[in-house]
mmCIF file of all heavy atoms, coordinates in Angstrom:
data_MODEL
# 
_entry.id   MODEL 
# 
loop_
_atom_site.group_PDB 
_atom_site.id 
_atom_site.type_symbol 
_atom_site.label_atom_id 
_atom_site.label_alt_id 
_atom_site.label_comp_id 
_atom_site.label_asym_id 
_atom_site.label_entity_id 
_atom_site.label_seq_id 
_atom_site.pdbx_PDB_ins_code 
_atom_site.Cartn_x 
_atom_site.Cartn_y 
_atom_site.Cartn_z 
_atom_site.occupancy 
_atom_site.B_iso_or_equiv 
_atom_site.pdbx_formal_charge 
_atom_site.auth_seq_id 
_atom_site.auth_comp_id 
_atom_site.auth_asym_id 
_atom_site.auth_atom_id 
_atom_site.pdbx_PDB_model_num 
ATOM 1   N N   . ALA A 1 1  ? 96.813  85.949 96.537  1.00 0.00 ? 1  ALA A N   1 
ATOM 2   C CA  . ALA A 1 1  ? 98.110  85.345 96.852  1.00 0.00 ? 1  ALA A CA  1 
ATOM 3   C C   . ALA A 1 1  ? 99.096  85.571 95.720  1.00 0.00 ? 1  ALA A C   1 
ATOM 4   O O   . ALA A 1 1  ? 100.255 85.931 95.951  1.00 0.00 ? 1  ALA A O   1 
ATOM 5   C CB  . ALA A 1 1  ? 97.933  83.846 97.111  1.00 0.00 ? 1  ALA A CB  1 
ATOM 6   N N   . GLN A 1 2  ? 98.645  85.375 94.486  1.00 0.00 ? 2  GLN A N   1 
ATOM 7   C CA  . GLN A 1 2  ? 99.514  85.548 93.338  1.00 0.00 ? 2  GLN A CA  1 
ATOM 8   C C   . GLN A 1 2  ? 99.964  87.000 93.205  1.00 0.00 ? 2  GLN A C   1 
ATOM 9   O O   . GLN A 1 2  ? 101.125 87.283 92.911  1.00 0.00 ? 2  GLN A O   1 
ATOM 10  C CB  . GLN A 1 2  ? 98.789  85.112 92.058  1.00 0.00 ? 2  GLN A CB  1 
ATOM 11  C CG  . GLN A 1 2  ? 99.641  85.111 90.819  1.00 0.00 ? 2  GLN A CG  1 
ATOM 12  C CD  . GLN A 1 2  ? 100.687 84.010 90.850  1.00 0.00 ? 2  GLN A CD  1 
ATOM 13  O OE1 . GLN A 1 2  ? 100.402 82.899 91.259  1.00 0.00 ? 2  GLN A OE1 1 
ATOM 14  N NE2 . GLN A 1 2  ? 101.903 84.303 90.414  1.00 0.00 ? 2  GLN A NE2 1 
ATOM 15  N N   . ALA A 1 3  ? 99.043  87.928 93.436  1.00 0.00 ? 3  ALA A N   1 
ATOM 16  C CA  . ALA A 1 3  ? 99.342  89.340 93.223  1.00 0.00 ? 3  ALA A CA  1 
ATOM 17  C C   . ALA A 1 3  ? 100.203 89.939 94.341  1.00 0.00 ? 3  ALA A C   1 
ATOM 18  O O   . ALA A 1 3  ? 101.051 90.792 94.083  1.00 0.00 ? 3  ALA A O   1 
ATOM 19  C CB  . ALA A 1 3  ? 98.042  90.130 93.099  1.00 0.00 ? 3  ALA A CB  1 
ATOM 20  N N   . GLU A 1 4  ? 99.996  89.497 95.572  1.00 0.00 ? 4  GLU A N   1 
ATOM 21  C CA  . GLU A 1 4  ? 100.631 90.180 96.699  1.00 0.00 ? 4  GLU A CA  1 
ATOM 22  C C   . GLU A 1 4  ? 101.736 89.366 97.367  1.00 0.00 ? 4  GLU A C   1 
ATOM 23  O O   . GLU A 1 4  ? 102.582 89.934 98.072  1.00 0.00 ? 4  GLU A O   1 
ATOM 24  C CB  . GLU A 1 4  ? 99.567  90.588 97.717  1.00 0.00 ? 4  GLU A CB  1 
ATOM 25  C CG  . GLU A 1 4  ? 98.509  91.512 97.101  1.00 0.00 ? 4  GLU A CG  1 
ATOM 26  C CD  . GLU A 1 4  ? 97.581  92.122 98.122  1.00 0.00 ? 4  GLU A CD  1 
ATOM 27  O OE1 . GLU A 1 4  ? 97.888  92.076 99.328  1.00 0.00 ? 4  GLU A OE1 1 
ATOM 28  O OE2 . GLU A 1 4  ? 96.545  92.663 97.709  1.00 0.00 ? 4  GLU A OE2 1 
ATOM 29  N N   . GLY A 1 5  ? 101.757 88.043 97.196  1.00 0.00 ? 5  GLY A N   1 
ATOM 30  C CA  . GLY A 1 5  ? 102.852 87.209 97.656  1.00 0.00 ? 5  GLY A CA  1 
ATOM 31  C C   . GLY A 1 5  ? 103.254 87.448 99.105  1.00 0.00 ? 5  GLY A C   1 
ATOM 32  O O   . GLY A 1 5  ? 102.433 87.385 100.027 1.00 0.00 ? 5  GLY A O   1 
ATOM 33  N N   . ALA A 1 6  ? 104.538 87.740 99.322  1.00 0.00 ? 6  ALA A N   1 
ATOM 34  C CA  . ALA A 1 6  ? 105.078 87.896 100.667 1.00 0.00 ? 6  ALA A CA  1 
ATOM 35  C C   . ALA A 1 6  ? 104.446 89.057 101.416 1.00 0.00 ? 6  ALA A C   1 
ATOM 36  O O   . ALA A 1 6  ? 104.470 89.088 102.656 1.00 0.00 ? 6  ALA A O   1 
ATOM 37  C CB  . ALA A 1 6  ? 106.593 88.076 100.595 1.00 0.00 ? 6  ALA A CB  1 
ATOM 38  N N   . GLU A 1 7  ? 103.871 90.031 100.702 1.00 0.00 ? 7  GLU A N   1 
ATOM 39  C CA  . GLU A 1 7  ? 103.228 91.170 101.352 1.00 0.00 ? 7  GLU A CA  1 
ATOM 40  C C   . GLU A 1 7  ? 102.087 90.714 102.255 1.00 0.00 ? 7  GLU A C   1 
ATOM 41  O O   . GLU A 1 7  ? 101.778 91.354 103.257 1.00 0.00 ? 7  GLU A O   1 
ATOM 42  C CB  . GLU A 1 7  ? 102.710 92.144 100.287 1.00 0.00 ? 7  GLU A CB  1 
ATOM 43  C CG  . GLU A 1 7  ? 101.966 93.354 100.828 1.00 0.00 ? 7  GLU A CG  1 
ATOM 44  C CD  . GLU A 1 7  ? 102.855 94.240 101.695 1.00 0.00 ? 7  GLU A CD  1 
ATOM 45  O OE1 . GLU A 1 7  ? 104.090 94.218 101.537 1.00 0.00 ? 7  GLU A OE1 1 
ATOM 46  O OE2 . GLU A 1 7  ? 102.287 94.959 102.549 1.00 0.00 ? 7  GLU A OE2 1 
ATOM 47  N N   . ILE A 1 8  ? 101.460 89.576 101.907 1.00 0.00 ? 8  ILE A N   1 
ATOM 48  C CA  . ILE A 1 8  ? 100.362 89.062 102.733 1.00 0.00 ? 8  ILE A CA  1 
ATOM 49  C C   . ILE A 1 8  ? 100.868 88.713 104.122 1.00 0.00 ? 8  ILE A C   1 
ATOM 50  O O   . ILE A 1 8  ? 100.259 89.076 105.135 1.00 0.00 ? 8  ILE A O   1 
ATOM 51  C CB  . ILE A 1 8  ? 99.719  87.833 102.055 1.00 0.00 ? 8  ILE A CB  1 
ATOM 52  C CG1 . ILE A 1 8  ? 99.008  88.256 100.768 1.00 0.00 ? 8  ILE A CG1 1 
ATOM 53  C CG2 . ILE A 1 8  ? 98.747  87.132 103.004 1.00 0.00 ? 8  ILE A CG2 1 
ATOM 54  C CD1 . ILE A 1 8  ? 98.509  87.110 99.931  1.00 0.00 ? 8  ILE A CD1 1 
ATOM 55  N N   . ILE A 1 9  ? 101.998 88.001 104.194 1.00 0.00 ? 9  ILE A N   1 
ATOM 56  C CA  . ILE A 1 9  ? 102.542 87.618 105.498 1.00 0.00 ? 9  ILE A CA  1 
ATOM 57  C C   . ILE A 1 9  ? 103.058 88.843 106.250 1.00 0.00 ? 9  ILE A C   1 
ATOM 58  O O   . ILE A 1 9  ? 102.949 88.935 107.474 1.00 0.00 ? 9  ILE A O   1 
ATOM 59  C CB  . ILE A 1 9  ? 103.633 86.551 105.329 1.00 0.00 ? 9  ILE A CB  1 
ATOM 60  C CG1 . ILE A 1 9  ? 102.996 85.247 104.796 1.00 0.00 ? 9  ILE A CG1 1 
ATOM 61  C CG2 . ILE A 1 9  ? 104.351 86.287 106.642 1.00 0.00 ? 9  ILE A CG2 1 
ATOM 62  C CD1 . ILE A 1 9  ? 103.976 84.119 104.568 1.00 0.00 ? 9  ILE A CD1 1 
ATOM 63  N N   . ALA A 1 10 ? 103.589 89.820 105.521 1.00 0.00 ? 10 ALA A N   1 
ATOM 64  C CA  . ALA A 1 10 ? 104.038 91.058 106.172 1.00 0.00 ? 10 ALA A CA  1 
ATOM 65  C C   . ALA A 1 10 ? 102.858 91.786 106.804 1.00 0.00 ? 10 ALA A C   1 
ATOM 66  O O   . ALA A 1 10 ? 102.967 92.344 107.904 1.00 0.00 ? 10 ALA A O   1 
ATOM 67  C CB  . ALA A 1 10 ? 104.747 91.949 105.156 1.00 0.00 ? 10 ALA A CB  1 
ATOM 68  N N   . ARG A 1 11 ? 101.729 91.754 106.125 1.00 0.00 ? 11 ARG A N   1 
ATOM 69  C CA  . ARG A 1 11 ? 100.544 92.456 106.619 1.00 0.00 ? 11 ARG A CA  1 
ATOM 70  C C   . ARG A 1 11 ? 99.763  91.608 107.625 1.00 0.00 ? 11 ARG A C   1 
ATOM 71  O O   . ARG A 1 11 ? 99.119  92.153 108.529 1.00 0.00 ? 11 ARG A O   1 
ATOM 72  C CB  . ARG A 1 11 ? 99.657  92.825 105.422 1.00 0.00 ? 11 ARG A CB  1 
ATOM 73  C CG  . ARG A 1 11 ? 98.448  93.659 105.759 1.00 0.00 ? 11 ARG A CG  1 
ATOM 74  C CD  . ARG A 1 11 ? 97.772  94.165 104.493 1.00 0.00 ? 11 ARG A CD  1 
ATOM 75  N NE  . ARG A 1 11 ? 96.482  94.763 104.784 1.00 0.00 ? 11 ARG A NE  1 
ATOM 76  C CZ  . ARG A 1 11 ? 95.668  95.277 103.868 1.00 0.00 ? 11 ARG A CZ  1 
ATOM 77  N NH1 . ARG A 1 11 ? 96.040  95.274 102.590 1.00 0.00 ? 11 ARG A NH1 1 
ATOM 78  N NH2 . ARG A 1 11 ? 94.508  95.785 104.207 1.00 0.00 ? 11 ARG A NH2 1 
ATOM 79  N N   . ALA A 1 12 ? 99.813  90.279 107.457 1.00 0.00 ? 12 ALA A N   1 
ATOM 80  C CA  . ALA A 1 12 ? 99.084  89.361 108.345 1.00 0.00 ? 12 ALA A CA  1 
ATOM 81  C C   . ALA A 1 12 ? 100.011 88.209 108.721 1.00 0.00 ? 12 ALA A C   1 
ATOM 82  O O   . ALA A 1 12 ? 99.970  87.143 108.111 1.00 0.00 ? 12 ALA A O   1 
ATOM 83  C CB  . ALA A 1 12 ? 97.822  88.846 107.651 1.00 0.00 ? 12 ALA A CB  1 
ATOM 84  N N   . PRO A 1 13 ? 100.884 88.402 109.724 1.00 0.00 ? 13 PRO A N   1 
ATOM 85  C CA  . PRO A 1 13 ? 101.877 87.386 110.076 1.00 0.00 ? 13 PRO A CA  1 
ATOM 86  C C   . PRO A 1 13 ? 101.281 86.061 110.525 1.00 0.00 ? 13 PRO A C   1 
ATOM 87  O O   . PRO A 1 13 ? 102.006 85.062 110.606 1.00 0.00 ? 13 PRO A O   1 
ATOM 88  C CB  . PRO A 1 13 ? 102.656 88.051 111.221 1.00 0.00 ? 13 PRO A CB  1 
ATOM 89  C CG  . PRO A 1 13 ? 102.419 89.512 111.061 1.00 0.00 ? 13 PRO A CG  1 
ATOM 90  C CD  . PRO A 1 13 ? 101.041 89.637 110.507 1.00 0.00 ? 13 PRO A CD  1 
ATOM 91  N N   . THR A 1 14 ? 99.998  86.034 110.806 1.00 0.00 ? 14 THR A N   1 
ATOM 92  C CA  . THR A 1 14 ? 99.349  84.787 111.213 1.00 0.00 ? 14 THR A CA  1 
ATOM 93  C C   . THR A 1 14 ? 99.269  83.770 110.073 1.00 0.00 ? 14 THR A C   1 
ATOM 94  O O   . THR A 1 14 ? 99.029  82.589 110.300 1.00 0.00 ? 14 THR A O   1 
ATOM 95  C CB  . THR A 1 14 ? 97.927  85.082 111.755 1.00 0.00 ? 14 THR A CB  1 
ATOM 96  O OG1 . THR A 1 14 ? 97.420  83.919 112.383 1.00 0.00 ? 14 THR A OG1 1 
ATOM 97  C CG2 . THR A 1 14 ? 96.977  85.492 110.634 1.00 0.00 ? 14 THR A CG2 1 
ATOM 98  N N   . VAL A 1 15 ? 99.493  84.238 108.835 1.00 0.00 ? 15 VAL A N   1 
ATOM 99  C CA  . VAL A 1 15 ? 99.419  83.354 107.657 1.00 0.00 ? 15 VAL A CA  1 
ATOM 100 C C   . VAL A 1 15 ? 100.669 82.485 107.592 1.00 0.00 ? 15 VAL A C   1 
ATOM 101 O O   . VAL A 1 15 ? 101.800 82.965 107.725 1.00 0.00 ? 15 VAL A O   1 
ATOM 102 C CB  . VAL A 1 15 ? 99.267  84.183 106.363 1.00 0.00 ? 15 VAL A CB  1 
ATOM 103 C CG1 . VAL A 1 15 ? 99.370  83.287 105.129 1.00 0.00 ? 15 VAL A CG1 1 
ATOM 104 C CG2 . VAL A 1 15 ? 97.934  84.931 106.377 1.00 0.00 ? 15 VAL A CG2 1 
ATOM 105 N N   . ASP A 1 16 ? 100.459 81.187 107.354 1.00 0.00 ? 16 ASP A N   1 
ATOM 106 C CA  . ASP A 1 16 ? 101.562 80.227 107.266 1.00 0.00 ? 16 ASP A CA  1 
ATOM 107 C C   . ASP A 1 16 ? 101.999 79.956 105.833 1.00 0.00 ? 16 ASP A C   1 
ATOM 108 O O   . ASP A 1 16 ? 103.185 79.727 105.566 1.00 0.00 ? 16 ASP A O   1 
ATOM 109 C CB  . ASP A 1 16 ? 101.143 78.894 107.904 1.00 0.00 ? 16 ASP A CB  1 
ATOM 110 C CG  . ASP A 1 16 ? 100.779 79.044 109.367 1.00 0.00 ? 16 ASP A CG  1 
ATOM 111 O OD1 . ASP A 1 16 ? 101.706 79.216 110.169 1.00 0.00 ? 16 ASP A OD1 1 
ATOM 112 O OD2 . ASP A 1 16 ? 99.575  79.001 109.688 1.00 0.00 ? 16 ASP A OD2 1 
ATOM 113 N N   . VAL A 1 17 ? 101.035 79.931 104.902 1.00 0.00 ? 17 VAL A N   1 
ATOM 114 C CA  . VAL A 1 17 ? 101.313 79.541 103.518 1.00 0.00 ? 17 VAL A CA  1 
ATOM 115 C C   . VAL A 1 17 ? 100.654 80.530 102.568 1.00 0.00 ? 17 VAL A C   1 
ATOM 116 O O   . VAL A 1 17 ? 99.496  80.924 102.770 1.00 0.00 ? 17 VAL A O   1 
ATOM 117 C CB  . VAL A 1 17 ? 100.784 78.115 103.219 1.00 0.00 ? 17 VAL A CB  1 
ATOM 118 C CG1 . VAL A 1 17 ? 100.899 77.783 101.728 1.00 0.00 ? 17 VAL A CG1 1 
ATOM 119 C CG2 . VAL A 1 17 ? 101.537 77.076 104.050 1.00 0.00 ? 17 VAL A CG2 1 
ATOM 120 N N   . VAL A 1 18 ? 101.376 80.924 101.530 1.00 0.00 ? 18 VAL A N   1 
ATOM 121 C CA  . VAL A 1 18 ? 100.827 81.733 100.438 1.00 0.00 ? 18 VAL A CA  1 
ATOM 122 C C   . VAL A 1 18 ? 101.092 80.964 99.152  1.00 0.00 ? 18 VAL A C   1 
ATOM 123 O O   . VAL A 1 18 ? 102.240 80.644 98.834  1.00 0.00 ? 18 VAL A O   1 
ATOM 124 C CB  . VAL A 1 18 ? 101.484 83.127 100.376 1.00 0.00 ? 18 VAL A CB  1 
ATOM 125 C CG1 . VAL A 1 18 ? 100.974 83.903 99.168  1.00 0.00 ? 18 VAL A CG1 1 
ATOM 126 C CG2 . VAL A 1 18 ? 101.212 83.902 101.662 1.00 0.00 ? 18 VAL A CG2 1 
ATOM 127 N N   . VAL A 1 19 ? 100.027 80.656 98.401  1.00 0.00 ? 19 VAL A N   1 
ATOM 128 C CA  . VAL A 1 19 ? 100.185 79.826 97.206  1.00 0.00 ? 19 VAL A CA  1 
ATOM 129 C C   . VAL A 1 19 ? 99.316  80.363 96.069  1.00 0.00 ? 19 VAL A C   1 
ATOM 130 O O   . VAL A 1 19 ? 98.123  80.600 96.241  1.00 0.00 ? 19 VAL A O   1 
ATOM 131 C CB  . VAL A 1 19 ? 99.853  78.338 97.507  1.00 0.00 ? 19 VAL A CB  1 
ATOM 132 C CG1 . VAL A 1 19 ? 98.449  78.172 98.055  1.00 0.00 ? 19 VAL A CG1 1 
ATOM 133 C CG2 . VAL A 1 19 ? 100.060 77.468 96.277  1.00 0.00 ? 19 VAL A CG2 1 
ATOM 134 N N   . GLY A 1 20 ? 99.936  80.582 94.923  1.00 0.00 ? 20 GLY A N   1 
ATOM 135 C CA  . GLY A 1 20 ? 99.218  81.076 93.750  1.00 0.00 ? 20 GLY A CA  1 
ATOM 136 C C   . GLY A 1 20 ? 98.408  79.985 93.080  1.00 0.00 ? 20 GLY A C   1 
ATOM 137 O O   . GLY A 1 20 ? 98.581  78.785 93.354  1.00 0.00 ? 20 GLY A O   1 
ATOM 138 N N   . PRO A 1 21 ? 97.511  80.363 92.171  1.00 0.00 ? 21 PRO A N   1 
ATOM 139 C CA  . PRO A 1 21 ? 96.587  79.398 91.567  1.00 0.00 ? 21 PRO A CA  1 
ATOM 140 C C   . PRO A 1 21 ? 97.235  78.366 90.659  1.00 0.00 ? 21 PRO A C   1 
ATOM 141 O O   . PRO A 1 21 ? 96.586  77.390 90.293  1.00 0.00 ? 21 PRO A O   1 
ATOM 142 C CB  . PRO A 1 21 ? 95.606  80.288 90.787  1.00 0.00 ? 21 PRO A CB  1 
ATOM 143 C CG  . PRO A 1 21 ? 96.297  81.585 90.611  1.00 0.00 ? 21 PRO A CG  1 
ATOM 144 C CD  . PRO A 1 21 ? 97.219  81.752 91.768  1.00 0.00 ? 21 PRO A CD  1 
ATOM 145 N N   . GLN A 1 22 ? 98.503  78.561 90.284  1.00 0.00 ? 22 GLN A N   1 
ATOM 146 C CA  . GLN A 1 22 ? 99.156  77.558 89.438  1.00 0.00 ? 22 GLN A CA  1 
ATOM 147 C C   . GLN A 1 22 ? 99.948  76.536 90.252  1.00 0.00 ? 22 GLN A C   1 
ATOM 148 O O   . GLN A 1 22 ? 100.584 75.651 89.680  1.00 0.00 ? 22 GLN A O   1 
ATOM 149 C CB  . GLN A 1 22 ? 100.091 78.247 88.440  1.00 0.00 ? 22 GLN A CB  1 
ATOM 150 C CG  . GLN A 1 22 ? 99.415  79.288 87.566  1.00 0.00 ? 22 GLN A CG  1 
ATOM 151 C CD  . GLN A 1 22 ? 98.222  78.736 86.811  1.00 0.00 ? 22 GLN A CD  1 
ATOM 152 O OE1 . GLN A 1 22 ? 98.227  77.594 86.384  1.00 0.00 ? 22 GLN A OE1 1 
ATOM 153 N NE2 . GLN A 1 22 ? 97.197  79.548 86.664  1.00 0.00 ? 22 GLN A NE2 1 
ATOM 154 N N   . SER A 1 23 ? 99.913  76.632 91.572  1.00 0.00 ? 23 SER A N   1 
ATOM 155 C CA  . SER A 1 23 ? 100.798 75.807 92.396  1.00 0.00 ? 23 SER A CA  1 
ATOM 156 C C   . SER A 1 23 ? 100.074 75.003 93.465  1.00 0.00 ? 23 SER A C   1 
ATOM 157 O O   . SER A 1 23 ? 100.688 74.568 94.440  1.00 0.00 ? 23 SER A O   1 
ATOM 158 C CB  . SER A 1 23 ? 101.852 76.709 93.057  1.00 0.00 ? 23 SER A CB  1 
ATOM 159 O OG  . SER A 1 23 ? 102.606 77.420 92.096  1.00 0.00 ? 23 SER A OG  1 
ATOM 160 N N   . TYR A 1 24 ? 98.774  74.776 93.306  1.00 0.00 ? 24 TYR A N   1 
ATOM 161 C CA  . TYR A 1 24 ? 98.029  74.076 94.343  1.00 0.00 ? 24 TYR A CA  1 
ATOM 162 C C   . TYR A 1 24 ? 98.538  72.653 94.576  1.00 0.00 ? 24 TYR A C   1 
ATOM 163 O O   . TYR A 1 24 ? 98.394  72.114 95.672  1.00 0.00 ? 24 TYR A O   1 
ATOM 164 C CB  . TYR A 1 24 ? 96.540  74.021 93.984  1.00 0.00 ? 24 TYR A CB  1 
ATOM 165 C CG  . TYR A 1 24 ? 95.869  75.369 93.937  1.00 0.00 ? 24 TYR A CG  1 
ATOM 166 C CD1 . TYR A 1 24 ? 94.865  75.645 93.026  1.00 0.00 ? 24 TYR A CD1 1 
ATOM 167 C CD2 . TYR A 1 24 ? 96.230  76.383 94.823  1.00 0.00 ? 24 TYR A CD2 1 
ATOM 168 C CE1 . TYR A 1 24 ? 94.245  76.882 92.984  1.00 0.00 ? 24 TYR A CE1 1 
ATOM 169 C CE2 . TYR A 1 24 ? 95.624  77.625 94.783  1.00 0.00 ? 24 TYR A CE2 1 
ATOM 170 C CZ  . TYR A 1 24 ? 94.628  77.861 93.858  1.00 0.00 ? 24 TYR A CZ  1 
ATOM 171 O OH  . TYR A 1 24 ? 94.023  79.092 93.826  1.00 0.00 ? 24 TYR A OH  1 
# 
């Protein structure tokens, strides 16, 4: 999540939330 950010949702639109390890 930290490394790829918004790219995750672009690649997998089913994802609702992307959160890095410092923001739990």
